[in-house]
Amino acid sequence: MADVLIAADDLTGANAAAVGLRRLGAVTLHATVDPEQIAEFAANYRVVSVTTDSRHMPAIAAAAATSAVVEAGWPARLLSSRCDSTLRGNLGAEAAAVLASARRLLDEHGSDTPVVGLCMPAFPGADRQTIHGLQTMGGVPLEDTELAHDVRSPITDSSVDTALRSGAAEVLGHEPRIVHVDVDDIDAGPEALAQRLRDLLTPGALPDFIVADARTDADLLAVARAAVAAAPEALFVGVDPGPGTRALAQALGLLRTSGTVLAVSGSATDLTRAQLARLAEHRSTAVRRPVYLPGRPARDPRIDVAATAAAVLEAWRERPEVLLLATVLDESDLLDMNTRASDALTEALGAVTAQVLAEVQGALGLYTTGGDVTTAVLGAIDGAGIAVDFEVLPLATAGRIVGGPHAGLPIVTKGGLVGDESAAGMCIDALYSLNTHR
């Protein structure tokens, strides 16, 4: 049985939805795969993403193709109707088909489990946000972008509600019951958001779909967690381009990690600071700065290795997804050091890493940014080198430590001036991939 079953209207979308769940073990299948093969893959993979090639089909045909995927891959703990982030295609008909199929299959097995669609079409990493129920691209409503002139699927309305209703009634047999979570509900804080979802998900009066605003991945996760907490007995259907389903999987505990990534950064570049800030925003991240020895001159500071290691170990007990030890997180951390002090600081980061790894269990791996830091870490843990597995992005490499007491531990290394703001997150995902095949 798959944890997550995704019906996507094109192959690119199927891959995009699966990649955010790849740490679970994901596979994408093409529409030509027959039902028996889908069932076989669902028995062997935790995430199965199937493309129906239905974006440009008539709505009823698209719904039928989507229903066939659900029936072949049934059951799953989480269903997803993968939609385009710019609302193109048969969004409403396909989402309704997943709901209707799941309800019928549950009823056939004598289950009264409620099925609720959570439509969160925002894709923050691609600059797609949902604001007051309208889908935007770069902050601009879709009908005011080049999508209005798309040859096959011109977009003339950025309303998510309108897109979701299109073709849904014919599939559900009634006009869809749609409620909304506004960005104002999210900004009101966790308690107000939780109450809003409890009000919307009252047993006996459940909607077909909740349409939720979101600007960031953090918004998506906040809504998903509130929805799951409000209706823990429900089978949720993610209606989104991928990030929303990932948030639902996290809220349901499907993405719970069995360990922690230790991230070590000694880079002071603006780019690294931006990468670390984004990592902390989008992942469960505990952040620790070094503890410095008192009484040292500003140009020659020294890290208190024992005190810093103790602080990191204390944070480790909370089991964060990522535990980040960084010398510079904002401008206030910048130090006007001489070369000798900089070298000593790097060596101390290696020593802290060695002390932490000697004490902890369940480390998923190491992420190091900055070549000097990586060298210092390897030296401190008696690592002879790195057996390279693959390139995460140019000048960022994933592999396993060779030699020493931590031989085989996954490690991803990246230069301080490498990648865009999402690079740190990509490196953390690469560590999960290494653990899958460890």
Protein backbone atom coordinates (compact mmCIF):
# COMPACT_ATOMS: atom_id res chain seq x y z
CA MET A 1 0.00 0.00 0.00
CA ALA A 2 1.36 3.40 -0.99
CA ASP A 3 1.40 6.21 1.54
CA VAL A 4 0.75 8.79 -1.19
CA LEU A 5 -1.02 8.26 -4.52
CA ILE A 6 -0.82 11.14 -7.00
CA ALA A 7 -2.84 11.54 -10.19
CA ALA A 8 -1.17 14.20 -12.36
CA ASP A 9 -2.37 15.62 -15.64
CA ASP A 10 1.06 15.60 -17.29
CA LEU A 11 4.42 13.87 -16.85
CA THR A 12 6.32 16.99 -15.83
CA GLY A 13 3.77 17.62 -13.12
CA ALA A 14 3.92 14.02 -11.95
CA ASN A 15 7.68 14.32 -11.53
CA ALA A 16 7.40 17.69 -9.80
CA ALA A 17 4.90 16.35 -7.29
CA ALA A 18 6.98 13.25 -6.58
CA VAL A 19 10.29 15.02 -6.11
CA GLY A 20 9.15 16.75 -2.93
CA LEU A 21 8.37 13.31 -1.50
CA ARG A 22 11.40 11.48 -2.82
CA ARG A 23 12.85 10.78 0.60
CA LEU A 24 9.94 8.32 1.08
CA GLY A 25 10.82 6.42 -2.08
CA ALA A 26 8.83 7.74 -5.02
CA VAL A 27 8.17 6.57 -8.56
CA THR A 28 6.45 8.29 -11.48
CA LEU A 29 4.50 6.30 -14.05
CA HIS A 30 3.19 7.23 -17.50
CA ALA A 31 -0.43 7.03 -18.57
CA THR A 32 0.25 3.98 -20.73
CA VAL A 33 0.97 1.89 -17.61
CA ASP A 34 -1.94 -0.51 -17.06
CA PRO A 35 -3.88 -0.81 -13.78
CA GLU A 36 -2.15 -4.04 -12.74
CA GLN A 37 1.24 -2.37 -13.04
CA ILE A 38 0.05 0.64 -11.03
CA ALA A 39 -1.14 -1.73 -8.29
CA GLU A 40 2.20 -3.53 -8.35
CA PHE A 41 4.14 -0.29 -7.97
CA ALA A 42 1.80 0.86 -5.20
CA ALA A 43 2.69 -2.30 -3.29
CA ASN A 44 6.41 -1.57 -3.57
CA TYR A 45 6.75 2.22 -3.39
CA ARG A 46 5.58 4.58 -0.69
CA VAL A 47 4.81 7.30 -3.25
CA VAL A 48 3.30 6.57 -6.67
CA SER A 49 2.73 9.47 -9.06
CA VAL A 50 0.87 8.62 -12.27
CA THR A 51 0.37 10.97 -15.19
CA THR A 52 -2.91 10.74 -17.06
CA ASP A 53 -1.91 13.06 -19.95
CA SER A 54 -5.33 14.60 -19.47
CA ARG A 55 -4.62 18.34 -19.41
CA HIS A 56 -6.11 18.93 -22.84
CA MET A 57 -8.77 16.20 -22.78
CA PRO A 58 -12.49 16.99 -22.49
CA ALA A 59 -13.39 17.30 -18.80
CA ILE A 60 -15.35 14.04 -18.58
CA ALA A 61 -12.54 12.07 -20.22
CA ALA A 62 -10.00 13.66 -17.88
CA ALA A 63 -12.14 12.69 -14.90
CA ALA A 64 -12.40 9.10 -16.11
CA ALA A 65 -8.63 8.83 -16.57
CA THR A 66 -8.07 10.24 -13.09
CA SER A 67 -10.58 7.87 -11.51
CA ALA A 68 -8.81 4.93 -13.14
CA VAL A 69 -5.56 5.91 -11.42
CA VAL A 70 -7.23 6.09 -8.00
CA GLU A 71 -8.92 2.73 -8.46
CA ALA A 72 -5.70 1.04 -9.61
CA GLY A 73 -3.55 2.45 -6.82
CA TRP A 74 -6.08 2.17 -4.00
CA PRO A 75 -5.75 2.37 -1.04
CA ALA A 76 -3.42 5.14 0.12
CA ARG A 77 -3.13 7.27 3.25
CA LEU A 78 -3.03 10.47 1.20
CA LEU A 79 -4.44 11.15 -2.26
CA SER A 80 -3.41 13.98 -4.53
CA SER A 81 -4.91 15.48 -7.65
CA ARG A 82 -1.86 17.23 -9.03
CA CYS A 83 -2.90 20.45 -10.76
CA ASP A 84 -1.04 23.09 -12.70
CA SER A 85 0.14 26.06 -10.62
CA THR A 86 -1.39 28.41 -13.21
CA LEU A 87 -4.80 26.67 -13.12
CA ARG A 88 -4.59 25.33 -16.68
CA GLY A 89 -6.34 22.11 -17.61
CA ASN A 90 -9.20 20.21 -15.99
CA LEU A 91 -8.50 21.12 -12.37
CA GLY A 92 -12.09 20.88 -11.14
CA ALA A 93 -13.12 17.72 -12.97
CA GLU A 94 -9.96 15.83 -11.97
CA ALA A 95 -10.08 16.90 -8.32
CA ALA A 96 -13.74 15.90 -8.13
CA ALA A 97 -12.89 12.55 -9.72
CA VAL A 98 -10.41 11.77 -6.95
CA LEU A 99 -12.97 12.69 -4.29
CA ALA A 100 -15.78 10.74 -5.91
CA SER A 101 -13.62 7.65 -6.49
CA ALA A 102 -12.30 7.62 -2.93
CA ARG A 103 -15.79 8.03 -1.47
CA ARG A 104 -17.15 5.20 -3.60
CA LEU A 105 -14.25 2.86 -2.75
CA LEU A 106 -14.57 3.60 0.95
CA ASP A 107 -18.33 3.04 0.83
CA GLU A 108 -17.84 -0.30 -0.93
CA HIS A 109 -15.67 -1.39 1.99
CA GLY A 110 -18.21 -0.22 4.55
CA SER A 111 -16.16 2.78 5.70
CA ASP A 112 -17.70 6.13 6.55
CA THR A 113 -14.34 7.93 6.49
CA PRO A 114 -14.93 11.50 5.27
CA VAL A 115 -13.02 12.62 2.18
CA VAL A 116 -12.04 16.28 1.96
CA GLY A 117 -10.11 18.08 -0.75
CA LEU A 118 -7.54 20.65 0.40
CA CYS A 119 -6.86 22.88 -2.59
CA MET A 120 -3.63 24.84 -2.09
CA PRO A 121 -2.43 25.75 -5.59
CA ALA A 122 0.39 28.02 -4.42
CA PHE A 123 3.89 27.04 -5.50
CA PRO A 124 6.08 29.47 -3.54
CA GLY A 125 9.35 28.14 -4.95
CA ALA A 126 8.11 29.00 -8.46
CA ASP A 127 6.75 32.41 -7.39
CA ARG A 128 3.10 31.31 -7.54
CA GLN A 129 1.02 32.58 -4.62
CA THR A 130 -2.67 32.42 -3.74
CA ILE A 131 -3.97 35.68 -2.26
CA HIS A 132 -7.63 36.20 -1.30
CA GLY A 133 -8.58 33.23 -3.46
CA LEU A 134 -6.79 34.52 -6.56
CA GLN A 135 -3.81 32.77 -8.13
CA THR A 136 -0.88 35.04 -8.93
CA MET A 137 2.40 34.66 -10.76
CA GLY A 138 5.10 36.99 -9.51
CA GLY A 139 2.39 38.89 -7.63
CA VAL A 140 0.33 39.46 -10.79
CA PRO A 141 -3.12 37.88 -11.32
CA LEU A 142 -2.91 35.18 -13.98
CA GLU A 143 -5.23 36.90 -16.45
CA ASP A 144 -2.84 39.86 -16.49
CA THR A 145 0.16 37.73 -17.47
CA GLU A 146 1.23 36.09 -20.73
CA LEU A 147 -0.98 33.13 -19.77
CA ALA A 148 -3.96 35.11 -21.02
CA HIS A 149 -2.59 34.46 -24.52
CA ASP A 150 -1.76 30.77 -24.09
CA VAL A 151 -2.66 29.04 -27.38
CA ARG A 152 -4.21 25.89 -25.89
CA SER A 153 -5.36 27.03 -22.43
CA PRO A 154 -5.74 30.81 -22.20
CA ILE A 155 -6.33 31.96 -18.62
CA THR A 156 -8.98 34.65 -18.29
CA ASP A 157 -9.79 34.27 -14.58
CA SER A 158 -7.38 33.84 -11.66
CA SER A 159 -10.12 32.70 -9.24
CA VAL A 160 -9.25 29.32 -7.73
CA ASP A 161 -12.90 28.81 -6.83
CA THR A 162 -13.94 29.22 -10.47
CA ALA A 163 -11.30 26.78 -11.70
CA LEU A 164 -12.25 24.23 -9.06
CA ARG A 165 -15.95 24.42 -9.88
CA SER A 166 -15.41 23.92 -13.60
CA GLY A 167 -16.47 20.37 -14.42
CA ALA A 168 -16.77 19.31 -10.77
CA ALA A 169 -20.56 19.18 -10.48
CA GLU A 170 -20.90 16.70 -13.34
CA VAL A 171 -18.49 14.34 -11.56
CA LEU A 172 -19.72 14.77 -7.98
CA GLY A 173 -23.41 14.80 -8.86
CA HIS A 174 -23.91 18.08 -7.00
CA GLU A 175 -22.47 21.57 -6.92
CA PRO A 176 -19.23 21.33 -4.93
CA ARG A 177 -19.31 22.72 -1.42
CA ILE A 178 -16.29 25.01 -1.26
CA VAL A 179 -15.04 26.99 1.74
CA HIS A 180 -12.04 29.28 2.03
CA VAL A 181 -9.05 29.93 4.26
CA ASP A 182 -7.84 33.45 3.59
CA VAL A 183 -4.37 34.84 4.03
CA ASP A 184 -5.86 36.96 6.80
CA ASP A 185 -6.75 33.75 8.68
CA ILE A 186 -3.12 32.65 8.44
CA ASP A 187 -1.79 36.04 9.54
CA ALA A 188 -4.12 36.02 12.55
CA GLY A 189 -1.85 33.39 14.12
CA PRO A 190 -1.87 29.64 14.82
CA GLU A 191 -4.75 29.67 17.32
CA ALA A 192 -7.05 31.70 15.06
CA LEU A 193 -6.13 29.54 12.07
CA ALA A 194 -6.82 26.37 14.04
CA GLN A 195 -10.22 27.69 15.08
CA ARG A 196 -11.03 28.63 11.50
CA LEU A 197 -10.30 25.09 10.33
CA ARG A 198 -12.31 23.58 13.18
CA ASP A 199 -15.25 25.76 12.16
CA LEU A 200 -14.94 24.69 8.53
CA LEU A 201 -14.49 20.99 9.29
CA THR A 202 -17.37 20.46 11.70
CA PRO A 203 -18.37 16.76 11.62
CA GLY A 204 -21.59 16.27 9.72
CA ALA A 205 -21.14 19.43 7.69
CA LEU A 206 -17.87 18.83 5.90
CA PRO A 207 -17.20 20.69 2.64
CA ASP A 208 -16.03 18.99 -0.53
CA PHE A 209 -13.11 21.36 -0.86
CA ILE A 210 -11.19 23.87 1.20
CA VAL A 211 -9.43 26.49 -0.90
CA ALA A 212 -6.52 27.94 1.03
CA ASP A 213 -4.37 30.97 0.38
CA ALA A 214 -0.60 30.70 0.75
CA ARG A 215 2.44 32.84 0.02
CA THR A 216 5.16 30.63 1.45
CA ASP A 217 5.82 26.98 2.18
CA ALA A 218 5.34 27.88 5.84
CA ASP A 219 1.77 29.03 5.03
CA LEU A 220 1.07 25.72 3.29
CA LEU A 221 2.33 23.72 6.25
CA ALA A 222 0.40 25.83 8.75
CA VAL A 223 -2.88 25.24 6.89
CA ALA A 224 -2.18 21.53 6.40
CA ARG A 225 -1.42 21.01 10.07
CA ALA A 226 -4.52 22.90 11.15
CA ALA A 227 -6.71 20.89 8.76
CA VAL A 228 -5.34 17.52 9.89
CA ALA A 229 -5.73 18.51 13.54
CA ALA A 230 -9.31 19.65 12.93
CA ALA A 231 -10.35 16.45 11.09
CA PRO A 232 -7.88 13.67 12.01
CA GLU A 233 -10.33 11.01 10.86
CA ALA A 234 -10.60 12.39 7.31
CA LEU A 235 -8.92 11.12 4.17
CA PHE A 236 -7.43 14.23 2.61
CA VAL A 237 -6.99 14.89 -1.08
CA GLY A 238 -4.33 17.41 -1.95
CA VAL A 239 -5.30 19.56 -4.94
CA ASP A 240 -2.10 21.41 -5.76
CA PRO A 241 1.07 21.43 -7.88
CA GLY A 242 3.07 19.44 -5.31
CA PRO A 243 4.09 21.65 -2.35
CA GLY A 244 0.62 21.44 -0.81
CA THR A 245 0.62 17.65 -0.91
CA ARG A 246 4.10 17.64 0.61
CA ALA A 247 2.77 19.85 3.43
CA LEU A 248 -0.12 17.44 3.96
CA ALA A 249 2.27 14.49 4.05
CA GLN A 250 4.31 16.29 6.67
CA ALA A 251 1.22 17.19 8.70
CA LEU A 252 0.08 13.54 8.60
CA GLY A 253 3.46 12.39 9.90
CA LEU A 254 4.42 10.61 6.67
CA LEU A 255 7.59 12.69 6.31
CA ARG A 256 8.68 12.32 9.91
CA THR A 257 12.43 11.75 9.88
CA SER A 258 14.21 9.05 11.82
CA GLY A 259 17.20 11.26 12.44
CA THR A 260 18.69 14.72 12.21
CA VAL A 261 20.94 16.37 9.64
CA LEU A 262 23.86 18.26 11.18
CA ALA A 263 24.55 21.32 9.03
CA VAL A 264 27.78 23.24 9.61
CA SER A 265 28.43 26.61 8.00
CA GLY A 266 31.45 28.84 8.34
CA SER A 267 30.69 30.97 5.29
CA ALA A 268 29.97 34.66 5.74
CA THR A 269 28.72 35.43 2.22
CA ASP A 270 25.42 37.18 1.61
CA LEU A 271 24.32 34.22 -0.51
CA THR A 272 25.01 31.69 2.24
CA ARG A 273 23.09 33.79 4.75
CA ALA A 274 20.12 33.91 2.37
CA GLN A 275 20.31 30.14 1.83
CA LEU A 276 20.42 29.42 5.55
CA ALA A 277 17.52 31.81 6.21
CA ARG A 278 15.40 30.04 3.62
CA LEU A 279 16.37 26.65 5.02
CA ALA A 280 15.31 27.70 8.52
CA GLU A 281 12.03 29.10 7.16
CA HIS A 282 11.01 26.00 5.23
CA ARG A 283 12.35 23.15 7.38
CA SER A 284 12.13 22.13 11.00
CA THR A 285 15.46 23.70 11.89
CA ALA A 286 17.19 24.31 15.21
CA VAL A 287 19.83 27.02 14.86
CA ARG A 288 22.88 27.42 17.07
CA ARG A 289 25.66 29.97 16.88
CA PRO A 290 29.13 29.23 18.29
CA VAL A 291 29.84 30.10 21.90
CA TYR A 292 32.93 32.30 22.00
CA LEU A 293 35.53 32.42 24.74
CA PRO A 294 35.24 35.63 26.74
CA GLY A 295 37.91 38.29 26.87
CA ARG A 296 39.32 37.75 23.37
CA PRO A 297 40.11 40.70 21.05
CA ALA A 298 37.57 41.31 18.26
CA ARG A 299 40.07 40.44 15.53
CA ASP A 300 41.10 37.21 17.22
CA PRO A 301 38.00 35.48 18.68
CA ARG A 302 38.05 31.83 19.68
CA ILE A 303 35.20 29.34 19.83
CA ASP A 304 34.61 27.55 23.10
CA VAL A 305 34.43 24.05 21.62
CA ALA A 306 33.05 22.30 24.71
CA ALA A 307 30.34 24.90 25.35
CA THR A 308 29.32 25.01 21.69
CA ALA A 309 29.14 21.22 21.46
CA ALA A 310 27.00 21.16 24.60
CA ALA A 311 24.60 23.71 23.10
CA VAL A 312 24.29 21.67 19.90
CA LEU A 313 23.74 18.45 21.82
CA GLU A 314 21.00 20.10 23.88
CA ALA A 315 19.23 21.14 20.69
CA TRP A 316 19.65 17.64 19.27
CA ARG A 317 17.37 16.22 21.95
CA GLU A 318 14.44 18.02 20.30
CA ARG A 319 15.02 15.94 17.14
CA PRO A 320 14.79 18.73 14.58
CA GLU A 321 14.93 17.88 10.90
CA VAL A 322 18.04 20.02 10.59
CA LEU A 323 20.38 21.20 13.32
CA LEU A 324 22.32 24.16 11.94
CA LEU A 325 25.58 25.37 13.48
CA ALA A 326 26.51 28.60 11.71
CA THR A 327 29.02 31.32 12.43
CA VAL A 328 27.17 33.98 10.43
CA LEU A 329 23.40 34.22 10.12
CA ASP A 330 23.00 37.98 9.81
CA GLU A 331 25.17 41.07 9.61
CA SER A 332 25.50 41.33 13.39
CA ASP A 333 27.49 38.07 13.33
CA LEU A 334 30.18 39.40 10.99
CA LEU A 335 33.62 39.65 12.57
CA ASP A 336 36.64 41.57 11.32
CA MET A 337 39.04 38.69 11.91
CA ASN A 338 42.62 38.18 10.89
CA THR A 339 43.66 35.11 8.89
CA ARG A 340 44.93 33.21 11.92
CA ALA A 341 41.65 33.71 13.76
CA SER A 342 39.65 32.62 10.71
CA ASP A 343 41.67 29.41 10.45
CA ALA A 344 41.23 28.74 14.18
CA LEU A 345 37.48 29.29 13.90
CA THR A 346 37.23 26.77 11.06
CA GLU A 347 39.25 24.19 12.97
CA ALA A 348 37.00 24.71 15.99
CA LEU A 349 33.88 24.01 13.90
CA GLY A 350 35.46 20.70 12.92
CA ALA A 351 36.18 19.91 16.56
CA VAL A 352 32.60 20.70 17.59
CA THR A 353 31.28 18.46 14.81
CA ALA A 354 33.50 15.60 15.98
CA GLN A 355 32.32 15.94 19.59
CA VAL A 356 28.67 16.03 18.56
CA LEU A 357 28.89 13.02 16.25
CA ALA A 358 30.70 11.05 18.95
CA GLU A 359 27.76 11.57 21.31
CA VAL A 360 24.64 11.32 19.17
CA GLN A 361 22.70 8.53 17.51
CA GLY A 362 20.47 8.77 14.46
CA ALA A 363 22.45 11.31 12.45
CA LEU A 364 21.07 11.28 8.90
CA GLY A 365 24.18 12.96 7.61
CA LEU A 366 26.31 16.06 7.38
CA TYR A 367 25.81 19.17 5.30
CA THR A 368 28.84 21.45 5.14
CA THR A 369 29.08 24.72 3.29
CA GLY A 370 32.48 26.21 2.61
CA GLY A 371 35.50 24.23 1.44
CA ASP A 372 37.64 25.06 4.48
CA VAL A 373 34.87 23.93 6.82
CA THR A 374 34.50 20.62 4.99
CA THR A 375 38.25 20.01 5.22
CA ALA A 376 38.25 20.83 8.94
CA VAL A 377 35.28 18.54 9.61
CA LEU A 378 36.82 15.61 7.75
CA GLY A 379 40.09 16.11 9.60
CA ALA A 380 38.42 16.26 12.99
CA ILE A 381 36.46 13.03 12.46
CA ASP A 382 39.44 11.19 10.91
CA GLY A 383 37.71 10.93 7.56
CA ALA A 384 40.07 10.03 4.74
CA GLY A 385 37.79 11.49 2.08
CA ILE A 386 34.39 11.31 0.40
CA ALA A 387 33.12 8.58 -1.90
CA VAL A 388 31.18 10.66 -4.41
CA ASP A 389 27.66 9.54 -5.35
CA PHE A 390 26.28 12.39 -7.45
CA GLU A 391 26.30 16.11 -8.12
CA VAL A 392 23.49 17.98 -6.40
CA LEU A 393 24.20 21.14 -8.39
CA PRO A 394 27.45 22.57 -9.79
CA LEU A 395 30.05 22.66 -6.97
CA ALA A 396 27.76 20.79 -4.57
CA THR A 397 28.46 17.07 -4.18
CA ALA A 398 26.73 14.22 -2.39
CA GLY A 399 28.59 11.18 -1.14
CA ARG A 400 29.66 9.17 1.88
CA ILE A 401 32.53 9.59 4.30
CA VAL A 402 35.44 7.21 3.77
CA GLY A 403 37.50 6.08 6.75
CA GLY A 404 37.30 6.85 10.45
CA PRO A 405 34.56 6.07 12.97
CA HIS A 406 31.85 7.62 10.80
CA ALA A 407 32.68 5.83 7.55
CA GLY A 408 29.58 5.55 5.36
CA LEU A 409 27.85 8.57 6.87
CA PRO A 410 26.15 10.56 4.08
CA ILE A 411 27.61 14.00 3.47
CA VAL A 412 26.78 16.84 1.09
CA THR A 413 29.31 19.62 0.61
CA LYS A 414 28.75 22.98 -1.10
CA GLY A 415 30.84 26.05 -1.75
CA GLY A 416 29.86 29.29 -0.03
CA LEU A 417 29.05 31.08 -3.29
CA VAL A 418 27.20 28.24 -4.97
CA GLY A 419 23.54 28.01 -6.01
CA ASP A 420 20.52 30.20 -5.41
CA GLU A 421 18.52 30.66 -2.21
CA SER A 422 17.04 27.15 -2.49
CA ALA A 423 20.44 25.43 -2.65
CA ALA A 424 20.69 24.50 1.03
CA GLY A 425 17.29 22.81 0.90
CA MET A 426 18.33 20.90 -2.21
CA CYS A 427 21.41 19.67 -0.38
CA ILE A 428 19.34 18.49 2.58
CA ASP A 429 17.02 16.62 0.20
CA ALA A 430 20.08 14.98 -1.35
CA LEU A 431 21.03 13.63 2.07
CA TYR A 432 17.62 11.95 2.34
CA SER A 433 18.20 10.40 -1.07
CA LEU A 434 21.54 9.00 0.13
CA ASN A 435 19.87 7.57 3.22
CA THR A 436 17.23 5.86 1.10
CA HIS A 437 19.97 3.80 -0.53
CA ARG A 438 22.31 3.51 2.42
